[in-house]
Amino acid sequence: MSALTREQHDRLNDLLADRALQGLSGAEAAECDALIARLAALPAGGDDPESIDRVVAALQVAMEPDDAQPMPAHLRRSVEARARREQNAPAPAIVGQIRPARSGGVSPWWVAAAAVIGVLVGGWPRGASTGAPSIAAVAGARDVVRASWQTAGELQSVQVSGEAVWSSERQAGYMRFAGLPVNDPAVEQYQLWIFDPSQPEATPIDGGVFNIASTGDVVVPIDPKLKVSGPTLFALTIEKPGGVVVSDRKRLVLVCKPT
């Protein structure tokens, strides 16, 4: 069977997002199922059609009770079935809470879900590692840890929010930022440092360099150069293009400590 065209792939992404957020009509569900069947028949499986459903469910579970809406029946069935197939056990608990700001009377869980779905169907930010596990895989890990960013140094008075999320079991994680200033890649780049018991404090693990092209909500995969056994602190510095091997930490701008 031939691969999906770009238009068909985009259409499938739209249908998957609609299925997770509001459900599909009979005709749309049939179209979605047909595209999924074509995708599953290809030699390389590609996207996981149900990963969107799992992340939307995870976001709702993480919300406080007064923020959440009832989980749609189709979404609950999809998540439960997937959990049984994958590990023959209940789906792993989601650690931590996601509390998007309220805006215009729109339920924040739907806002957060839409933001994460944008990453799932569009992939990681351009220029980031393409081999990273999905947000769903990291958020659903048994040992997942997360911590909120605190500003420091030259960003002390800047309103920056977000978190770092990591699973040592999967050796994968991601960072979320809102309000982080845009950088000029020709002049400087952001670089993540992971403090870990396996490394001296003077030489934390390089977590990768990246750029910020928008002050809106941005998700960046963590790209550690060494194995991380159990992070005790995440720190973000501003360095020269390409980053450095050891930072002098003169431009330390964000920190967060997993609990």
C-alpha atoms as a PDB file:
ATOM      1  CA  MET A   1       0.000   0.000   0.000  1.00  0.00           C
ATOM      2  CA  SER A   2       1.341   3.442  -0.894  1.00  0.00           C
ATOM      3  CA  ALA A   3       2.213   6.031   1.712  1.00  0.00           C
ATOM      4  CA  LEU A   4      -0.225   8.770   2.616  1.00  0.00           C
ATOM      5  CA  THR A   5       0.069  11.989   0.675  1.00  0.00           C
ATOM      6  CA  ARG A   6       0.929  15.162   2.566  1.00  0.00           C
ATOM      7  CA  GLU A   7      -2.689  16.288   2.265  1.00  0.00           C
ATOM      8  CA  GLN A   8      -3.969  12.975   3.630  1.00  0.00           C
ATOM      9  CA  HIS A   9      -1.469  13.079   6.496  1.00  0.00           C
ATOM     10  CA  ASP A  10      -2.545  16.626   7.397  1.00  0.00           C
ATOM     11  CA  ARG A  11      -6.188  15.564   7.205  1.00  0.00           C
ATOM     12  CA  LEU A  12      -5.517  12.636   9.545  1.00  0.00           C
ATOM     13  CA  ASN A  13      -3.820  14.963  12.030  1.00  0.00           C
ATOM     14  CA  ASP A  14      -6.863  17.256  11.968  1.00  0.00           C
ATOM     15  CA  LEU A  15      -9.242  14.347  12.482  1.00  0.00           C
ATOM     16  CA  LEU A  16      -7.182  12.944  15.366  1.00  0.00           C
ATOM     17  CA  ALA A  17      -7.151  16.310  17.119  1.00  0.00           C
ATOM     18  CA  ASP A  18     -10.917  16.703  16.632  1.00  0.00           C
ATOM     19  CA  ARG A  19     -11.495  13.128  17.847  1.00  0.00           C
ATOM     20  CA  ALA A  20      -9.595  13.813  21.061  1.00  0.00           C
ATOM     21  CA  LEU A  21     -11.175  17.189  21.783  1.00  0.00           C
ATOM     22  CA  GLN A  22     -14.779  16.907  20.654  1.00  0.00           C
ATOM     23  CA  GLY A  23     -15.454  13.615  18.907  1.00  0.00           C
ATOM     24  CA  LEU A  24     -16.203  12.944  15.247  1.00  0.00           C
ATOM     25  CA  SER A  25     -19.332  12.561  13.166  1.00  0.00           C
ATOM     26  CA  GLY A  26     -20.066   9.171  11.642  1.00  0.00           C
ATOM     27  CA  ALA A  27     -18.567  10.159   8.293  1.00  0.00           C
ATOM     28  CA  GLU A  28     -15.502  11.722   9.906  1.00  0.00           C
ATOM     29  CA  ALA A  29     -14.929   8.656  12.100  1.00  0.00           C
ATOM     30  CA  ALA A  30     -15.071   6.397   9.040  1.00  0.00           C
ATOM     31  CA  GLU A  31     -12.617   8.638   7.194  1.00  0.00           C
ATOM     32  CA  CYS A  32     -10.283   8.691  10.201  1.00  0.00           C
ATOM     33  CA  ASP A  33     -10.402   4.901  10.560  1.00  0.00           C
ATOM     34  CA  ALA A  34      -9.638   4.450   6.867  1.00  0.00           C
ATOM     35  CA  LEU A  35      -6.591   6.728   7.032  1.00  0.00           C
ATOM     36  CA  ILE A  36      -5.340   5.007  10.201  1.00  0.00           C
ATOM     37  CA  ALA A  37      -5.705   1.629   8.501  1.00  0.00           C
ATOM     38  CA  ARG A  38      -3.645   2.837   5.555  1.00  0.00           C
ATOM     39  CA  LEU A  39      -0.987   4.230   7.863  1.00  0.00           C
ATOM     40  CA  ALA A  40      -0.828   1.036   9.932  1.00  0.00           C
ATOM     41  CA  ALA A  41      -0.351  -1.048   6.780  1.00  0.00           C
ATOM     42  CA  LEU A  42       2.860   0.745   5.842  1.00  0.00           C
ATOM     43  CA  PRO A  43       6.207  -0.977   6.597  1.00  0.00           C
ATOM     44  CA  ALA A  44       7.165   1.768   9.069  1.00  0.00           C
ATOM     45  CA  GLY A  45       4.305   2.557  11.403  1.00  0.00           C
ATOM     46  CA  GLY A  46       4.982   6.282  11.709  1.00  0.00           C
ATOM     47  CA  ASP A  47       2.671   8.282  13.939  1.00  0.00           C
ATOM     48  CA  ASP A  48       0.779   6.717  16.833  1.00  0.00           C
ATOM     49  CA  PRO A  49      -2.875   7.698  16.172  1.00  0.00           C
ATOM     50  CA  GLU A  50      -3.883   7.146  19.813  1.00  0.00           C
ATOM     51  CA  SER A  51      -1.059   9.154  21.387  1.00  0.00           C
ATOM     52  CA  ILE A  52      -3.171  12.297  21.105  1.00  0.00           C
ATOM     53  CA  ASP A  53      -6.008  10.654  23.026  1.00  0.00           C
ATOM     54  CA  ARG A  54      -3.618   9.538  25.775  1.00  0.00           C
ATOM     55  CA  VAL A  55      -2.141  13.008  26.245  1.00  0.00           C
ATOM     56  CA  VAL A  56      -5.542  14.675  26.347  1.00  0.00           C
ATOM     57  CA  ALA A  57      -6.585  12.182  29.019  1.00  0.00           C
ATOM     58  CA  ALA A  58      -3.382  12.787  30.950  1.00  0.00           C
ATOM     59  CA  LEU A  59      -3.949  16.531  30.905  1.00  0.00           C
ATOM     60  CA  GLN A  60      -7.454  16.162  32.238  1.00  0.00           C
ATOM     61  CA  VAL A  61      -6.346  13.826  35.026  1.00  0.00           C
ATOM     62  CA  ALA A  62      -3.668  16.340  36.008  1.00  0.00           C
ATOM     63  CA  MET A  63      -6.126  19.224  36.347  1.00  0.00           C
ATOM     64  CA  GLU A  64      -7.711  20.129  39.644  1.00  0.00           C
ATOM     65  CA  PRO A  65     -11.318  18.904  40.005  1.00  0.00           C
ATOM     66  CA  ASP A  66     -12.897  22.340  39.581  1.00  0.00           C
ATOM     67  CA  ASP A  67     -11.036  22.873  36.314  1.00  0.00           C
ATOM     68  CA  ALA A  68     -11.897  19.610  34.599  1.00  0.00           C
ATOM     69  CA  GLN A  69     -14.815  18.691  32.388  1.00  0.00           C
ATOM     70  CA  PRO A  70     -16.134  15.117  32.234  1.00  0.00           C
ATOM     71  CA  MET A  71     -13.947  12.977  29.992  1.00  0.00           C
ATOM     72  CA  PRO A  72     -15.798  12.133  26.766  1.00  0.00           C
ATOM     73  CA  ALA A  73     -16.887   8.490  26.619  1.00  0.00           C
ATOM     74  CA  HIS A  74     -15.063   7.840  23.340  1.00  0.00           C
ATOM     75  CA  LEU A  75     -11.849   9.194  24.840  1.00  0.00           C
ATOM     76  CA  ARG A  76     -12.126   7.095  28.006  1.00  0.00           C
ATOM     77  CA  ARG A  77     -12.736   3.943  25.953  1.00  0.00           C
ATOM     78  CA  SER A  78      -9.724   4.646  23.747  1.00  0.00           C
ATOM     79  CA  VAL A  79      -7.391   5.260  26.687  1.00  0.00           C
ATOM     80  CA  GLU A  80      -8.559   2.213  28.624  1.00  0.00           C
ATOM     81  CA  ALA A  81      -8.249  -0.059  25.597  1.00  0.00           C
ATOM     82  CA  ARG A  82      -4.777   1.242  24.817  1.00  0.00           C
ATOM     83  CA  ALA A  83      -3.625   0.689  28.400  1.00  0.00           C
ATOM     84  CA  ARG A  84      -4.837  -2.911  28.360  1.00  0.00           C
ATOM     85  CA  ARG A  85      -3.098  -3.633  25.072  1.00  0.00           C
ATOM     86  CA  GLU A  86       0.207  -2.023  26.012  1.00  0.00           C
ATOM     87  CA  GLN A  87       0.829  -3.362  29.482  1.00  0.00           C
ATOM     88  CA  ASN A  88      -2.208  -5.381  30.574  1.00  0.00           C
ATOM     89  CA  ALA A  89      -2.461  -3.099  33.584  1.00  0.00           C
ATOM     90  CA  PRO A  90      -4.033   0.244  34.523  1.00  0.00           C
ATOM     91  CA  ALA A  91      -2.563   3.268  32.792  1.00  0.00           C
ATOM     92  CA  PRO A  92       0.271   4.869  34.820  1.00  0.00           C
ATOM     93  CA  ALA A  93      -0.589   7.782  37.058  1.00  0.00           C
ATOM     94  CA  ILE A  94       0.324  11.257  35.942  1.00  0.00           C
ATOM     95  CA  VAL A  95       2.644  12.945  38.419  1.00  0.00           C
ATOM     96  CA  GLY A  96       2.311  16.673  39.084  1.00  0.00           C
ATOM     97  CA  GLN A  97      -0.340  19.124  37.982  1.00  0.00           C
ATOM     98  CA  ILE A  98      -0.819  21.322  34.933  1.00  0.00           C
ATOM     99  CA  ARG A  99      -2.549  24.588  35.702  1.00  0.00           C
ATOM    100  CA  PRO A 100      -2.910  26.759  32.583  1.00  0.00           C
ATOM    101  CA  ALA A 101      -4.116  30.298  33.211  1.00  0.00           C
ATOM    102  CA  ARG A 102      -7.837  30.894  32.799  1.00  0.00           C
ATOM    103  CA  SER A 103      -8.745  32.941  29.769  1.00  0.00           C
ATOM    104  CA  GLY A 104     -12.038  34.237  28.429  1.00  0.00           C
ATOM    105  CA  GLY A 105     -14.161  31.649  30.207  1.00  0.00           C
ATOM    106  CA  VAL A 106     -12.668  28.771  28.187  1.00  0.00           C
ATOM    107  CA  SER A 107     -11.993  25.656  30.235  1.00  0.00           C
ATOM    108  CA  PRO A 108      -8.183  25.596  30.777  1.00  0.00           C
ATOM    109  CA  TRP A 109      -7.970  21.822  30.312  1.00  0.00           C
ATOM    110  CA  TRP A 110      -9.144  22.185  26.732  1.00  0.00           C
ATOM    111  CA  VAL A 111      -6.662  25.026  26.193  1.00  0.00           C
ATOM    112  CA  ALA A 112      -3.796  22.921  27.537  1.00  0.00           C
ATOM    113  CA  ALA A 113      -4.885  19.911  25.508  1.00  0.00           C
ATOM    114  CA  ALA A 114      -4.980  21.944  22.327  1.00  0.00           C
ATOM    115  CA  ALA A 115      -1.479  23.285  22.985  1.00  0.00           C
ATOM    116  CA  VAL A 116      -0.018  19.817  23.525  1.00  0.00           C
ATOM    117  CA  ILE A 117      -1.876  18.373  20.554  1.00  0.00           C
ATOM    118  CA  GLY A 118      -0.210  21.057  18.445  1.00  0.00           C
ATOM    119  CA  VAL A 119       3.131  19.540  19.384  1.00  0.00           C
ATOM    120  CA  LEU A 120       1.972  15.950  18.857  1.00  0.00           C
ATOM    121  CA  VAL A 121       0.574  16.453  15.374  1.00  0.00           C
ATOM    122  CA  GLY A 122       3.199  18.959  14.301  1.00  0.00           C
ATOM    123  CA  GLY A 123       6.210  17.236  15.844  1.00  0.00           C
ATOM    124  CA  TRP A 124       8.921  18.716  18.030  1.00  0.00           C
ATOM    125  CA  PRO A 125       9.978  22.328  17.371  1.00  0.00           C
ATOM    126  CA  ARG A 126      11.982  22.795  14.184  1.00  0.00           C
ATOM    127  CA  GLY A 127      15.665  22.155  14.754  1.00  0.00           C
ATOM    128  CA  ALA A 128      15.060  19.938  17.769  1.00  0.00           C
ATOM    129  CA  SER A 129      15.920  16.251  18.015  1.00  0.00           C
ATOM    130  CA  THR A 130      13.468  14.173  15.964  1.00  0.00           C
ATOM    131  CA  GLY A 131      14.245  10.904  17.747  1.00  0.00           C
ATOM    132  CA  ALA A 132      12.786  11.964  21.095  1.00  0.00           C
ATOM    133  CA  PRO A 133       9.860   9.967  22.530  1.00  0.00           C
ATOM    134  CA  SER A 134       6.500  11.672  22.442  1.00  0.00           C
ATOM    135  CA  ILE A 135       5.212  13.861  25.250  1.00  0.00           C
ATOM    136  CA  ALA A 136       2.721  11.097  26.043  1.00  0.00           C
ATOM    137  CA  ALA A 137       5.494   8.538  26.501  1.00  0.00           C
ATOM    138  CA  VAL A 138       7.433  10.783  28.882  1.00  0.00           C
ATOM    139  CA  ALA A 139       4.416  12.013  30.855  1.00  0.00           C
ATOM    140  CA  GLY A 140       3.189   8.446  31.304  1.00  0.00           C
ATOM    141  CA  ALA A 141       6.488   7.015  32.574  1.00  0.00           C
ATOM    142  CA  ARG A 142       6.422   5.442  36.043  1.00  0.00           C
ATOM    143  CA  ASP A 143       9.340   7.569  37.286  1.00  0.00           C
ATOM    144  CA  VAL A 144       8.414  10.872  35.662  1.00  0.00           C
ATOM    145  CA  VAL A 145       9.501  13.986  37.562  1.00  0.00           C
ATOM    146  CA  ARG A 146       8.623  17.589  36.826  1.00  0.00           C
ATOM    147  CA  ALA A 147       9.496  20.974  38.230  1.00  0.00           C
ATOM    148  CA  SER A 148       8.507  24.581  37.540  1.00  0.00           C
ATOM    149  CA  TRP A 149      11.028  27.125  36.278  1.00  0.00           C
ATOM    150  CA  GLN A 150      12.228  29.989  38.468  1.00  0.00           C
ATOM    151  CA  THR A 151      13.865  33.018  36.875  1.00  0.00           C
ATOM    152  CA  ALA A 152      17.376  34.157  37.792  1.00  0.00           C
ATOM    153  CA  GLY A 153      20.039  36.621  36.722  1.00  0.00           C
ATOM    154  CA  GLU A 154      19.103  38.882  33.828  1.00  0.00           C
ATOM    155  CA  LEU A 155      15.619  37.326  33.587  1.00  0.00           C
ATOM    156  CA  GLN A 156      14.865  37.845  37.285  1.00  0.00           C
ATOM    157  CA  SER A 157      12.208  40.470  36.508  1.00  0.00           C
ATOM    158  CA  VAL A 158      10.835  38.748  33.387  1.00  0.00           C
ATOM    159  CA  GLN A 159       7.589  36.776  33.538  1.00  0.00           C
ATOM    160  CA  VAL A 160       8.609  33.278  32.436  1.00  0.00           C
ATOM    161  CA  SER A 161       6.618  30.152  33.240  1.00  0.00           C
ATOM    162  CA  GLY A 162       6.823  26.496  32.338  1.00  0.00           C
ATOM    163  CA  GLU A 163       8.399  23.295  33.561  1.00  0.00           C
ATOM    164  CA  ALA A 164      10.972  20.596  32.977  1.00  0.00           C
ATOM    165  CA  VAL A 165       9.707  17.003  32.737  1.00  0.00           C
ATOM    166  CA  TRP A 166      12.028  13.992  32.811  1.00  0.00           C
ATOM    167  CA  SER A 167      11.981  10.190  32.956  1.00  0.00           C
ATOM    168  CA  SER A 168      15.292   8.486  33.787  1.00  0.00           C
ATOM    169  CA  GLU A 169      13.732   5.154  32.857  1.00  0.00           C
ATOM    170  CA  ARG A 170      13.097   6.356  29.328  1.00  0.00           C
ATOM    171  CA  GLN A 171      16.110   8.697  29.261  1.00  0.00           C
ATOM    172  CA  ALA A 172      13.858  11.326  27.781  1.00  0.00           C
ATOM    173  CA  GLY A 173      12.140  14.538  28.749  1.00  0.00           C
ATOM    174  CA  TYR A 174      11.023  17.926  27.574  1.00  0.00           C
ATOM    175  CA  MET A 175      10.922  21.551  28.644  1.00  0.00           C
ATOM    176  CA  ARG A 176       7.978  23.884  28.344  1.00  0.00           C
ATOM    177  CA  PHE A 177       8.353  27.652  28.326  1.00  0.00           C
ATOM    178  CA  ALA A 178       6.020  30.628  28.083  1.00  0.00           C
ATOM    179  CA  GLY A 179       7.489  34.107  28.025  1.00  0.00           C
ATOM    180  CA  LEU A 180      11.113  33.059  27.468  1.00  0.00           C
ATOM    181  CA  PRO A 181      12.760  35.842  25.399  1.00  0.00           C
ATOM    182  CA  VAL A 182      13.513  35.181  21.744  1.00  0.00           C
ATOM    183  CA  ASN A 183      17.233  34.720  21.022  1.00  0.00           C
ATOM    184  CA  ASP A 184      19.364  35.488  17.976  1.00  0.00           C
ATOM    185  CA  PRO A 185      21.008  32.154  17.030  1.00  0.00           C
ATOM    186  CA  ALA A 186      23.882  33.989  15.369  1.00  0.00           C
ATOM    187  CA  VAL A 187      24.741  35.664  18.671  1.00  0.00           C
ATOM    188  CA  GLU A 188      23.664  33.313  21.474  1.00  0.00           C
ATOM    189  CA  GLN A 189      21.727  30.171  22.302  1.00  0.00           C
ATOM    190  CA  TYR A 190      20.030  28.701  25.340  1.00  0.00           C
ATOM    191  CA  GLN A 191      21.730  25.666  26.896  1.00  0.00           C
ATOM    192  CA  LEU A 192      20.311  23.251  29.453  1.00  0.00           C
ATOM    193  CA  TRP A 193      22.379  21.738  32.271  1.00  0.00           C
ATOM    194  CA  ILE A 194      21.270  18.695  34.260  1.00  0.00           C
ATOM    195  CA  PHE A 195      22.733  18.259  37.736  1.00  0.00           C
ATOM    196  CA  ASP A 196      22.911  14.553  38.500  1.00  0.00           C
ATOM    197  CA  PRO A 197      24.524  12.356  41.203  1.00  0.00           C
ATOM    198  CA  SER A 198      26.623  10.711  38.499  1.00  0.00           C
ATOM    199  CA  GLN A 199      28.459  13.969  37.739  1.00  0.00           C
ATOM    200  CA  PRO A 200      30.469  16.486  39.816  1.00  0.00           C
ATOM    201  CA  GLU A 201      28.555  19.688  40.497  1.00  0.00           C
ATOM    202  CA  ALA A 202      31.184  21.658  38.566  1.00  0.00           C
ATOM    203  CA  THR A 203      30.436  19.701  35.390  1.00  0.00           C
ATOM    204  CA  PRO A 204      26.706  18.981  35.091  1.00  0.00           C
ATOM    205  CA  ILE A 205      25.375  17.061  32.102  1.00  0.00           C
ATOM    206  CA  ASP A 206      24.880  19.056  28.919  1.00  0.00           C
ATOM    207  CA  GLY A 207      21.156  18.876  28.123  1.00  0.00           C
ATOM    208  CA  GLY A 208      21.411  20.447  24.673  1.00  0.00           C
ATOM    209  CA  VAL A 209      21.299  23.871  23.048  1.00  0.00           C
ATOM    210  CA  PHE A 210      18.220  25.362  21.441  1.00  0.00           C
ATOM    211  CA  ASN A 211      16.632  28.543  20.150  1.00  0.00           C
ATOM    212  CA  ILE A 212      13.416  30.333  21.031  1.00  0.00           C
ATOM    213  CA  ALA A 213      11.564  31.920  18.111  1.00  0.00           C
ATOM    214  CA  SER A 214       8.412  32.944  20.000  1.00  0.00           C
ATOM    215  CA  THR A 215       7.572  34.117  23.500  1.00  0.00           C
ATOM    216  CA  GLY A 216       4.427  31.987  23.376  1.00  0.00           C
ATOM    217  CA  ASP A 217       4.085  28.435  24.690  1.00  0.00           C
ATOM    218  CA  VAL A 218       7.075  26.452  23.388  1.00  0.00           C
ATOM    219  CA  VAL A 219       8.029  22.804  23.979  1.00  0.00           C
ATOM    220  CA  VAL A 220      11.647  21.666  23.568  1.00  0.00           C
ATOM    221  CA  PRO A 221      12.960  18.089  23.978  1.00  0.00           C
ATOM    222  CA  ILE A 222      15.777  17.502  26.460  1.00  0.00           C
ATOM    223  CA  ASP A 223      18.882  16.153  24.702  1.00  0.00           C
ATOM    224  CA  PRO A 224      21.368  14.895  27.342  1.00  0.00           C
ATOM    225  CA  LYS A 225      24.877  14.025  26.207  1.00  0.00           C
ATOM    226  CA  LEU A 226      25.337  11.491  29.038  1.00  0.00           C
ATOM    227  CA  LYS A 227      23.057   9.077  30.868  1.00  0.00           C
ATOM    228  CA  VAL A 228      20.999  10.761  33.581  1.00  0.00           C
ATOM    229  CA  SER A 229      20.446   8.642  36.686  1.00  0.00           C
ATOM    230  CA  GLY A 230      18.216  11.015  38.651  1.00  0.00           C
ATOM    231  CA  PRO A 231      18.260  14.792  38.088  1.00  0.00           C
ATOM    232  CA  THR A 232      18.538  16.974  41.184  1.00  0.00           C
ATOM    233  CA  LEU A 233      18.440  20.329  39.384  1.00  0.00           C
ATOM    234  CA  PHE A 234      17.835  21.729  35.888  1.00  0.00           C
ATOM    235  CA  ALA A 235      19.541  24.998  34.970  1.00  0.00           C
ATOM    236  CA  LEU A 236      19.329  27.118  31.826  1.00  0.00           C
ATOM    237  CA  THR A 237      22.122  29.402  30.704  1.00  0.00           C
ATOM    238  CA  ILE A 238      22.716  31.653  27.718  1.00  0.00           C
ATOM    239  CA  GLU A 239      25.882  30.716  25.842  1.00  0.00           C
ATOM    240  CA  LYS A 240      27.660  31.375  22.558  1.00  0.00           C
ATOM    241  CA  PRO A 241      26.250  29.711  19.402  1.00  0.00           C
ATOM    242  CA  GLY A 242      26.751  25.954  19.625  1.00  0.00           C
ATOM    243  CA  GLY A 243      27.003  26.021  23.406  1.00  0.00           C
ATOM    244  CA  VAL A 244      29.970  25.261  25.641  1.00  0.00           C
ATOM    245  CA  VAL A 245      31.454  22.165  27.270  1.00  0.00           C
ATOM    246  CA  VAL A 246      31.577  23.766  30.732  1.00  0.00           C
ATOM    247  CA  SER A 247      29.573  26.883  31.572  1.00  0.00           C
ATOM    248  CA  ASP A 248      30.880  29.703  33.757  1.00  0.00           C
ATOM    249  CA  ARG A 249      27.192  30.251  34.674  1.00  0.00           C
ATOM    250  CA  LYS A 250      27.543  34.020  34.397  1.00  0.00           C
ATOM    251  CA  ARG A 251      24.321  34.071  32.396  1.00  0.00           C
ATOM    252  CA  LEU A 252      22.229  31.651  34.435  1.00  0.00           C
ATOM    253  CA  VAL A 253      18.612  32.602  33.691  1.00  0.00           C
ATOM    254  CA  LEU A 254      16.312  29.736  34.789  1.00  0.00           C
ATOM    255  CA  VAL A 255      16.461  26.954  37.376  1.00  0.00           C
ATOM    256  CA  CYS A 256      14.098  24.279  38.638  1.00  0.00           C
ATOM    257  CA  LYS A 257      14.460  21.544  41.222  1.00  0.00           C
ATOM    258  CA  PRO A 258      12.486  18.287  40.928  1.00  0.00           C
ATOM    259  CA  THR A 259      10.644  17.263  44.092  1.00  0.00           C
END
